[in-house]
N, C-alpha and C. Protein backbone atom coordinates (compact mmCIF):
# COMPACT_ATOMS: atom_id res chain seq x y z
N UNK A 1 140.58 175.00 110.15
CA UNK A 1 139.72 174.87 111.31
C UNK A 1 138.26 174.99 110.89
N UNK A 2 137.37 174.11 111.41
CA UNK A 2 135.97 174.10 111.04
C UNK A 2 135.20 175.27 111.64
N UNK A 3 133.98 175.46 111.12
CA UNK A 3 133.13 176.53 111.65
C UNK A 3 132.63 176.16 113.04
N UNK A 4 132.57 177.13 113.90
CA UNK A 4 132.06 176.95 115.25
C UNK A 4 130.55 177.15 115.25
N UNK A 5 129.82 176.31 115.97
CA UNK A 5 128.37 176.49 116.10
C UNK A 5 128.09 177.70 116.97
N UNK A 6 127.10 178.46 116.60
CA UNK A 6 126.67 179.60 117.40
C UNK A 6 125.27 179.30 117.91
N UNK A 7 125.09 179.36 119.21
CA UNK A 7 123.78 179.13 119.80
C UNK A 7 122.87 180.30 119.46
N UNK A 8 121.66 180.00 119.04
CA UNK A 8 120.70 181.06 118.74
C UNK A 8 119.77 180.66 117.63
N UNK A 9 118.96 181.60 117.22
CA UNK A 9 117.94 181.37 116.19
C UNK A 9 118.22 182.30 115.02
N UNK A 10 118.39 181.74 113.84
CA UNK A 10 118.62 182.55 112.65
C UNK A 10 117.36 183.36 112.34
N UNK A 11 117.56 184.55 111.83
CA UNK A 11 116.44 185.46 111.52
C UNK A 11 115.49 184.90 110.46
N UNK A 12 115.96 183.97 109.63
CA UNK A 12 115.11 183.40 108.58
C UNK A 12 114.30 182.20 109.04
N UNK A 13 114.52 181.73 110.26
CA UNK A 13 113.79 180.58 110.78
C UNK A 13 112.33 180.94 111.06
N UNK A 14 111.44 179.96 110.86
CA UNK A 14 110.02 180.14 111.14
C UNK A 14 109.63 179.18 112.26
N UNK A 15 109.26 179.73 113.41
CA UNK A 15 108.97 178.91 114.59
C UNK A 15 107.57 179.27 115.10
N UNK A 16 106.71 178.25 115.17
CA UNK A 16 105.35 178.46 115.65
C UNK A 16 105.40 178.96 117.10
N UNK A 17 104.49 179.87 117.49
CA UNK A 17 104.50 180.42 118.86
C UNK A 17 104.35 179.38 119.97
N UNK A 18 103.77 178.21 119.68
CA UNK A 18 103.58 177.20 120.72
C UNK A 18 104.81 176.33 120.96
N UNK A 19 105.86 176.49 120.16
CA UNK A 19 107.06 175.65 120.26
C UNK A 19 107.82 175.96 121.55
N UNK A 20 108.31 174.89 122.19
CA UNK A 20 109.14 175.04 123.39
C UNK A 20 110.58 174.74 123.02
N UNK A 21 111.47 175.69 123.29
CA UNK A 21 112.90 175.53 122.99
C UNK A 21 113.68 175.40 124.28
N UNK A 22 114.59 174.41 124.34
CA UNK A 22 115.46 174.24 125.49
C UNK A 22 116.60 175.25 125.47
N UNK A 23 117.49 175.11 126.44
CA UNK A 23 118.66 175.99 126.54
C UNK A 23 119.69 175.60 125.49
N UNK A 24 120.45 176.58 125.04
CA UNK A 24 121.57 176.36 124.12
C UNK A 24 121.16 175.65 122.83
N UNK A 25 119.98 175.96 122.33
CA UNK A 25 119.49 175.39 121.06
C UNK A 25 119.96 176.28 119.92
N UNK A 26 120.35 175.67 118.81
CA UNK A 26 120.72 176.42 117.61
C UNK A 26 119.74 176.07 116.50
N UNK A 27 119.09 177.09 115.95
CA UNK A 27 118.16 176.93 114.85
C UNK A 27 118.75 177.68 113.66
N UNK A 28 119.15 176.94 112.63
CA UNK A 28 119.84 177.53 111.49
C UNK A 28 118.91 178.21 110.50
N UNK A 29 119.53 178.71 109.42
CA UNK A 29 118.77 179.43 108.39
C UNK A 29 117.68 178.59 107.74
N UNK A 30 116.54 179.21 107.52
CA UNK A 30 115.43 178.62 106.79
C UNK A 30 114.87 177.35 107.41
N UNK A 31 115.03 177.18 108.73
CA UNK A 31 114.40 176.06 109.43
C UNK A 31 112.95 176.43 109.73
N UNK A 32 112.10 175.41 109.84
CA UNK A 32 110.69 175.62 110.14
C UNK A 32 110.29 174.62 111.22
N UNK A 33 109.62 175.11 112.28
CA UNK A 33 109.18 174.24 113.37
C UNK A 33 107.69 174.44 113.57
N UNK A 34 106.94 173.34 113.46
CA UNK A 34 105.49 173.38 113.53
C UNK A 34 104.94 173.43 114.94
N UNK A 35 103.62 173.58 115.05
CA UNK A 35 102.97 173.74 116.36
C UNK A 35 103.11 172.52 117.26
N UNK A 36 103.04 172.80 118.56
CA UNK A 36 103.05 171.77 119.60
C UNK A 36 104.29 170.89 119.55
N UNK A 37 105.41 171.47 119.18
CA UNK A 37 106.67 170.74 119.12
C UNK A 37 107.62 171.28 120.18
N UNK A 38 108.65 170.48 120.50
CA UNK A 38 109.66 170.94 121.45
C UNK A 38 111.04 170.44 121.00
N UNK A 39 112.03 171.28 121.27
CA UNK A 39 113.42 171.00 120.91
C UNK A 39 114.22 171.04 122.21
N UNK A 40 114.91 169.93 122.52
CA UNK A 40 115.64 169.81 123.79
C UNK A 40 116.94 170.59 123.84
N UNK A 41 117.46 170.74 125.06
CA UNK A 41 118.70 171.46 125.32
C UNK A 41 119.84 170.99 124.41
N UNK A 42 120.60 171.95 123.90
CA UNK A 42 121.81 171.64 123.16
C UNK A 42 121.61 171.07 121.77
N UNK A 43 120.38 171.01 121.29
CA UNK A 43 120.11 170.45 119.96
C UNK A 43 120.43 171.49 118.90
N UNK A 44 120.98 171.02 117.78
CA UNK A 44 121.35 171.88 116.66
C UNK A 44 120.56 171.47 115.43
N UNK A 45 119.80 172.40 114.87
CA UNK A 45 119.16 172.22 113.57
C UNK A 45 119.97 173.05 112.59
N UNK A 46 120.64 172.39 111.66
CA UNK A 46 121.45 173.10 110.67
C UNK A 46 120.49 173.89 109.78
N UNK A 47 120.80 174.13 108.54
CA UNK A 47 119.90 174.91 107.67
C UNK A 47 118.82 174.04 107.03
N UNK A 48 117.70 174.68 106.67
CA UNK A 48 116.63 174.04 105.90
C UNK A 48 116.08 172.76 106.54
N UNK A 49 115.94 172.74 107.86
CA UNK A 49 115.35 171.60 108.56
C UNK A 49 113.87 171.90 108.81
N UNK A 50 113.00 170.94 108.50
CA UNK A 50 111.56 171.09 108.76
C UNK A 50 111.17 170.14 109.88
N UNK A 51 110.60 170.70 110.95
CA UNK A 51 110.10 169.91 112.07
C UNK A 51 108.59 170.04 112.06
N UNK A 52 107.89 168.91 111.93
CA UNK A 52 106.44 168.93 111.83
C UNK A 52 105.76 169.16 113.17
N UNK A 53 104.45 169.26 113.12
CA UNK A 53 103.64 169.44 114.33
C UNK A 53 103.76 168.22 115.23
N UNK A 54 103.56 168.42 116.51
CA UNK A 54 103.53 167.34 117.51
C UNK A 54 104.81 166.51 117.52
N UNK A 55 105.94 167.18 117.38
CA UNK A 55 107.24 166.50 117.35
C UNK A 55 108.05 166.91 118.56
N UNK A 56 108.61 165.93 119.26
CA UNK A 56 109.49 166.19 120.39
C UNK A 56 110.88 165.69 120.02
N UNK A 57 111.84 166.58 120.09
CA UNK A 57 113.23 166.24 119.82
C UNK A 57 113.99 166.44 121.13
N UNK A 58 114.68 165.40 121.57
CA UNK A 58 115.37 165.42 122.86
C UNK A 58 116.60 166.30 122.88
N UNK A 59 117.50 165.99 123.82
CA UNK A 59 118.69 166.81 124.05
C UNK A 59 119.87 166.38 123.17
N UNK A 60 120.69 167.37 122.84
CA UNK A 60 121.98 167.15 122.18
C UNK A 60 121.89 166.36 120.88
N UNK A 61 120.89 166.66 120.08
CA UNK A 61 120.76 166.07 118.75
C UNK A 61 121.37 167.02 117.73
N UNK A 62 121.83 166.47 116.62
CA UNK A 62 122.29 167.28 115.49
C UNK A 62 121.51 166.83 114.27
N UNK A 63 120.81 167.77 113.65
CA UNK A 63 119.98 167.45 112.49
C UNK A 63 120.51 168.26 111.31
N UNK A 64 120.98 167.55 110.31
CA UNK A 64 121.66 168.17 109.17
C UNK A 64 120.68 168.71 108.13
N UNK A 65 121.19 169.53 107.18
CA UNK A 65 120.33 170.25 106.23
C UNK A 65 119.39 169.35 105.41
N UNK A 66 118.27 169.95 105.07
CA UNK A 66 117.26 169.33 104.21
C UNK A 66 116.66 168.06 104.81
N UNK A 67 116.57 168.03 106.14
CA UNK A 67 115.94 166.92 106.84
C UNK A 67 114.54 167.35 107.28
N UNK A 68 113.59 166.44 107.13
CA UNK A 68 112.23 166.67 107.58
C UNK A 68 111.94 165.70 108.71
N UNK A 69 111.61 166.22 109.88
CA UNK A 69 111.37 165.40 111.07
C UNK A 69 109.91 165.53 111.49
N UNK A 70 109.20 164.41 111.55
CA UNK A 70 107.84 164.44 112.06
C UNK A 70 106.78 164.86 111.07
N UNK A 71 107.03 164.70 109.79
CA UNK A 71 106.01 165.03 108.79
C UNK A 71 104.95 163.94 108.70
N UNK A 72 104.12 164.03 107.70
CA UNK A 72 103.06 163.04 107.51
C UNK A 72 103.65 161.64 107.31
N UNK A 73 103.02 160.62 107.90
CA UNK A 73 103.49 159.25 107.73
C UNK A 73 103.44 158.78 106.28
N UNK A 74 104.38 157.95 105.92
CA UNK A 74 104.39 157.35 104.59
C UNK A 74 103.87 155.91 104.73
N UNK A 75 102.65 155.78 105.21
CA UNK A 75 102.05 154.49 105.53
C UNK A 75 100.65 154.48 104.92
N UNK A 76 100.32 153.41 104.19
CA UNK A 76 99.01 153.35 103.54
C UNK A 76 97.86 153.30 104.55
N UNK A 77 98.15 152.99 105.81
CA UNK A 77 97.11 152.95 106.84
C UNK A 77 96.79 154.34 107.39
N UNK A 78 97.61 155.34 107.07
CA UNK A 78 97.38 156.70 107.56
C UNK A 78 96.37 157.40 106.67
N UNK A 79 95.35 157.98 107.30
CA UNK A 79 94.29 158.66 106.55
C UNK A 79 94.06 160.08 107.09
N UNK A 80 95.15 160.77 107.43
CA UNK A 80 95.04 162.15 107.86
C UNK A 80 94.86 162.37 109.35
N UNK A 81 94.91 161.31 110.16
CA UNK A 81 94.76 161.47 111.60
C UNK A 81 95.97 162.22 112.17
N UNK A 82 95.79 162.79 113.37
CA UNK A 82 96.88 163.47 114.05
C UNK A 82 97.94 162.45 114.47
N UNK A 83 99.21 162.78 114.29
CA UNK A 83 100.31 161.89 114.65
C UNK A 83 101.33 162.62 115.51
N UNK A 84 102.23 161.87 116.15
CA UNK A 84 103.27 162.41 117.02
C UNK A 84 104.57 161.69 116.71
N UNK A 85 105.68 162.39 116.89
CA UNK A 85 107.00 161.77 116.77
C UNK A 85 107.84 162.21 117.96
N UNK A 86 108.52 161.25 118.59
CA UNK A 86 109.42 161.55 119.70
C UNK A 86 110.81 161.04 119.33
N UNK A 87 111.77 161.95 119.27
CA UNK A 87 113.16 161.59 119.00
C UNK A 87 113.91 161.78 120.31
N UNK A 88 114.66 160.77 120.72
CA UNK A 88 115.38 160.82 122.00
C UNK A 88 116.59 161.74 121.97
N UNK A 89 117.56 161.43 122.83
CA UNK A 89 118.74 162.26 123.01
C UNK A 89 119.93 161.73 122.19
N UNK A 90 120.83 162.64 121.84
CA UNK A 90 122.12 162.32 121.21
C UNK A 90 121.99 161.56 119.89
N UNK A 91 121.06 161.97 119.06
CA UNK A 91 120.92 161.39 117.72
C UNK A 91 121.55 162.32 116.69
N UNK A 92 121.97 161.75 115.58
CA UNK A 92 122.53 162.52 114.47
C UNK A 92 121.81 162.08 113.20
N UNK A 93 121.27 163.03 112.44
CA UNK A 93 120.70 162.68 111.15
C UNK A 93 121.64 163.18 110.07
N UNK A 94 121.73 162.44 109.00
CA UNK A 94 122.45 162.94 107.84
C UNK A 94 121.50 163.78 107.02
N UNK A 95 122.04 164.55 106.09
CA UNK A 95 121.19 165.43 105.28
C UNK A 95 120.19 164.62 104.47
N UNK A 96 119.06 165.25 104.22
CA UNK A 96 117.97 164.72 103.39
C UNK A 96 117.34 163.44 103.94
N UNK A 97 117.23 163.30 105.25
CA UNK A 97 116.52 162.16 105.83
C UNK A 97 115.13 162.61 106.24
N UNK A 98 114.26 161.62 106.55
CA UNK A 98 112.87 161.95 106.87
C UNK A 98 112.30 161.03 107.94
N UNK A 99 112.71 161.19 109.22
CA UNK A 99 112.08 160.40 110.28
C UNK A 99 110.63 160.84 110.46
N UNK A 100 109.69 159.92 110.26
CA UNK A 100 108.27 160.24 110.37
C UNK A 100 107.55 159.18 111.18
N UNK A 101 106.36 159.52 111.70
CA UNK A 101 105.55 158.51 112.37
C UNK A 101 105.13 157.42 111.38
N UNK A 102 104.92 156.20 111.87
CA UNK A 102 104.49 155.11 111.00
C UNK A 102 103.00 155.19 110.70
N UNK A 103 102.19 155.36 111.73
CA UNK A 103 100.75 155.53 111.53
C UNK A 103 100.17 156.18 112.77
N UNK A 104 98.87 156.33 112.81
CA UNK A 104 98.25 157.08 113.90
C UNK A 104 97.92 156.23 115.12
N UNK A 105 98.23 154.94 115.10
CA UNK A 105 97.81 154.09 116.20
C UNK A 105 98.61 154.34 117.48
N UNK A 106 99.82 154.85 117.38
CA UNK A 106 100.62 155.16 118.55
C UNK A 106 101.72 156.13 118.16
N UNK A 107 102.24 156.89 119.12
CA UNK A 107 103.36 157.77 118.80
C UNK A 107 104.57 156.96 118.37
N UNK A 108 105.37 157.51 117.47
CA UNK A 108 106.60 156.87 117.05
C UNK A 108 107.72 157.44 117.89
N UNK A 109 108.60 156.57 118.40
CA UNK A 109 109.65 157.01 119.29
C UNK A 109 110.99 156.46 118.86
N UNK A 110 112.01 157.31 118.90
CA UNK A 110 113.39 156.91 118.70
C UNK A 110 114.13 157.35 119.94
N UNK A 111 114.13 156.53 120.98
CA UNK A 111 114.67 156.98 122.25
C UNK A 111 116.05 156.42 122.55
N UNK A 112 116.58 155.57 121.70
CA UNK A 112 117.90 155.02 121.95
C UNK A 112 118.95 156.09 121.72
N UNK A 113 119.87 156.27 122.69
CA UNK A 113 120.89 157.29 122.51
C UNK A 113 121.88 156.91 121.43
N UNK A 114 122.40 157.92 120.75
CA UNK A 114 123.46 157.69 119.80
C UNK A 114 123.03 157.10 118.49
N UNK A 115 121.75 157.12 118.16
CA UNK A 115 121.27 156.58 116.90
C UNK A 115 121.68 157.53 115.77
N UNK A 116 122.17 156.97 114.69
CA UNK A 116 122.51 157.77 113.52
C UNK A 116 121.52 157.41 112.43
N UNK A 117 120.73 158.38 112.01
CA UNK A 117 119.72 158.16 110.99
C UNK A 117 120.34 158.51 109.65
N UNK A 118 120.42 157.55 108.74
CA UNK A 118 121.11 157.73 107.48
C UNK A 118 120.18 158.13 106.36
N UNK A 119 120.64 158.96 105.48
CA UNK A 119 119.88 159.35 104.29
C UNK A 119 120.22 158.45 103.13
N UNK A 120 119.63 158.76 101.98
CA UNK A 120 119.88 157.97 100.77
C UNK A 120 121.06 158.52 100.02
């Protein structure tokens, strides 16, 4: 039988005071959540997940270990401007993926339900 998820925040997690957490959120060991971010109801961050500043993660997402969500864009047009990332509901990331904004011209959004973001 597999491990059961436990709702709550691991003592090793680092969460900026401005972060908004929904109901029944699970934040695993060694996760980090940056300022002005929000995590929707029922979302699970496994271990070692980094959520950057200005990132909105919707409801019922599962983000696997060593994933970085909302970090600096990997775009040659980005020159340090403030960016935002919006992830919709019911997404699953595999371990070691990196959903990031494309550039500073507009927020990046992944709002389609059921999207599976694959790693390498």
